[in-house]
């Protein structure tokens, strides 16, 4: 055996080991990619129902918010009506009271004038 034959044999052996390592790495990569594919399919299967559930929940929340907005508007309208009614009631009540007060003052002056002008 010459050194050329030994070098050639060593080179072939190294190349064979390198090919085996490459094949093992390639098989491992295929296994990982297959696991990743299964994981992606599972996630996809679970995401679709979740997004539908989220959509339904948001629609329900929007409906409730619309109802709350309607209630707030109704409360505001009732409050405005109560305020207007209380102003009218105040005007209605204060006008006769002012008249009665005026008549009472006039009657007092009349009584004082009749009784001789004594002031208390």
Protein backbone atom coordinates (compact mmCIF):
# COMPACT_ATOMS: atom_id res chain seq x y z
CA UNK A 1 0.00 0.00 0.00
CA UNK A 2 1.18 3.34 -0.91
CA UNK A 3 0.46 6.55 0.84
CA UNK A 4 -1.78 7.52 -2.08
CA UNK A 5 -4.00 4.49 -1.53
CA UNK A 6 -4.12 5.16 2.23
CA UNK A 7 -5.05 8.81 1.61
CA UNK A 8 -7.66 7.75 -0.90
CA UNK A 9 -9.16 5.23 1.55
CA UNK A 10 -9.16 7.81 4.36
CA UNK A 11 -10.82 10.33 2.09
CA UNK A 12 -13.49 7.82 1.07
CA UNK A 13 -14.12 6.87 4.68
CA UNK A 14 -14.38 10.54 5.68
CA UNK A 15 -16.74 11.17 2.80
CA UNK A 16 -18.88 8.19 3.82
CA UNK A 17 -19.04 9.45 7.43
CA UNK A 18 -19.94 12.93 6.16
CA UNK A 19 -22.73 11.47 4.00
CA UNK A 20 -24.08 9.48 6.95
CA UNK A 21 -24.04 12.60 9.19
CA UNK A 22 -25.78 14.58 6.44
CA UNK A 23 -28.47 11.88 6.04
CA UNK A 24 -29.04 11.73 9.84
CA UNK A 25 -29.31 15.53 9.99
CA UNK A 26 -31.69 15.51 7.01
CA UNK A 27 -33.87 12.84 8.66
CA UNK A 28 -33.93 14.85 11.88
CA UNK A 29 -34.92 17.97 9.93
CA UNK A 30 -37.74 16.05 8.20
CA UNK A 31 -38.97 14.78 11.57
CA UNK A 32 -38.91 18.31 13.02
CA UNK A 33 -40.72 19.75 10.01
CA UNK A 34 -43.39 17.05 10.24
CA UNK A 35 -43.91 17.84 13.95
CA UNK A 36 -44.11 21.52 13.10
CA UNK A 37 -46.70 20.77 10.40
CA UNK A 38 -48.84 18.78 12.88
CA UNK A 39 -48.53 21.60 15.42
CA UNK A 40 -49.54 24.20 12.83
CA UNK A 41 -52.59 22.14 11.82
CA UNK A 42 -53.65 21.75 15.45
CA UNK A 43 -53.26 25.47 16.07
CA UNK A 44 -55.23 26.23 12.92
CA UNK A 45 -58.02 23.87 14.01
CA UNK A 46 -58.19 25.53 17.43
CA UNK A 47 -57.90 29.13 16.23
CA UNK A 48 -60.93 29.05 13.93
CA UNK A 49 -63.43 28.17 16.69
CA UNK A 50 -61.76 30.64 19.04
CA UNK A 51 -62.02 33.47 16.55
CA UNK A 52 -65.69 32.62 16.01
CA UNK A 53 -66.24 32.65 19.77
CA UNK A 54 -64.43 35.99 20.10
CA UNK A 55 -66.55 37.40 17.27
CA UNK A 56 -69.76 36.28 19.00
CA UNK A 57 -68.59 37.69 22.33
CA UNK A 58 -67.75 41.05 20.77
CA UNK A 59 -71.14 41.17 19.05
CA UNK A 60 -72.78 40.52 22.42
CA UNK A 61 -70.70 43.25 24.06
CA UNK A 62 -71.62 45.70 21.30
CA UNK A 63 -75.31 44.89 21.80
CA UNK A 64 -75.00 45.46 25.55
CA UNK A 65 -73.15 48.74 25.01
CA UNK A 66 -75.90 49.90 22.67
CA UNK A 67 -78.48 49.08 25.35
CA UNK A 68 -76.44 50.98 27.96
CA UNK A 69 -76.22 53.96 25.62
CA UNK A 70 -80.00 53.84 25.10
CA UNK A 71 -80.54 53.71 28.87
CA UNK A 72 -78.20 56.66 29.41
CA UNK A 73 -80.06 58.64 26.75
CA UNK A 74 -83.39 57.81 28.41
CA UNK A 75 -82.06 58.87 31.81
CA UNK A 76 -80.82 62.14 30.32
CA UNK A 77 -84.22 62.79 28.70
CA UNK A 78 -86.06 62.02 31.96
CA UNK A 79 -83.69 64.29 33.85
CA UNK A 80 -84.34 67.12 31.40
CA UNK A 81 -88.11 66.60 31.71
CA UNK A 82 -87.90 66.59 35.51
CA UNK A 83 -85.87 69.78 35.46
CA UNK A 84 -88.37 71.47 33.13
CA UNK A 85 -91.28 70.27 35.25
CA UNK A 86 -89.66 71.53 38.45
CA UNK A 87 -89.09 74.95 36.87
CA UNK A 88 -92.74 75.14 35.82
CA UNK A 89 -93.84 74.03 39.29
CA UNK A 90 -91.61 76.66 40.87
CA UNK A 91 -93.11 79.36 38.67
CA UNK A 92 -96.66 78.17 39.35
CA UNK A 93 -96.06 77.98 43.10
CA UNK A 94 -94.10 81.21 43.43
CA UNK A 95 -96.63 83.41 41.58
CA UNK A 96 -99.51 82.79 44.04
CA UNK A 97 -97.14 83.02 47.00
CA UNK A 98 -95.94 86.40 45.76
CA UNK A 99 -99.53 87.53 45.35
CA UNK A 100 -100.49 86.29 48.80
CA UNK A 101 -97.44 88.01 50.28
CA UNK A 102 -98.36 91.22 48.48
CA UNK A 103 -101.97 91.00 49.65
CA UNK A 104 -100.82 90.26 53.20
CA UNK A 105 -98.57 93.32 53.15
CA UNK A 106 -101.36 95.49 51.79
CA UNK A 107 -103.80 94.15 54.39
CA UNK A 108 -101.29 94.87 57.13
CA UNK A 109 -100.90 98.46 55.94
CA UNK A 110 -104.67 98.78 55.72
CA UNK A 111 -105.12 97.46 59.25
CA UNK A 112 -102.39 99.75 60.52
CA UNK A 113 -104.04 102.69 58.74
CA UNK A 114 -107.44 101.85 60.22
CA UNK A 115 -106.12 101.27 63.71
CA UNK A 116 -104.40 104.59 63.87
CA UNK A 117 -101.13 104.03 62.21
CA UNK A 118 -99.38 102.07 64.94
CA UNK A 119 -96.47 100.11 63.72
CA UNK A 120 -95.27 97.05 65.43
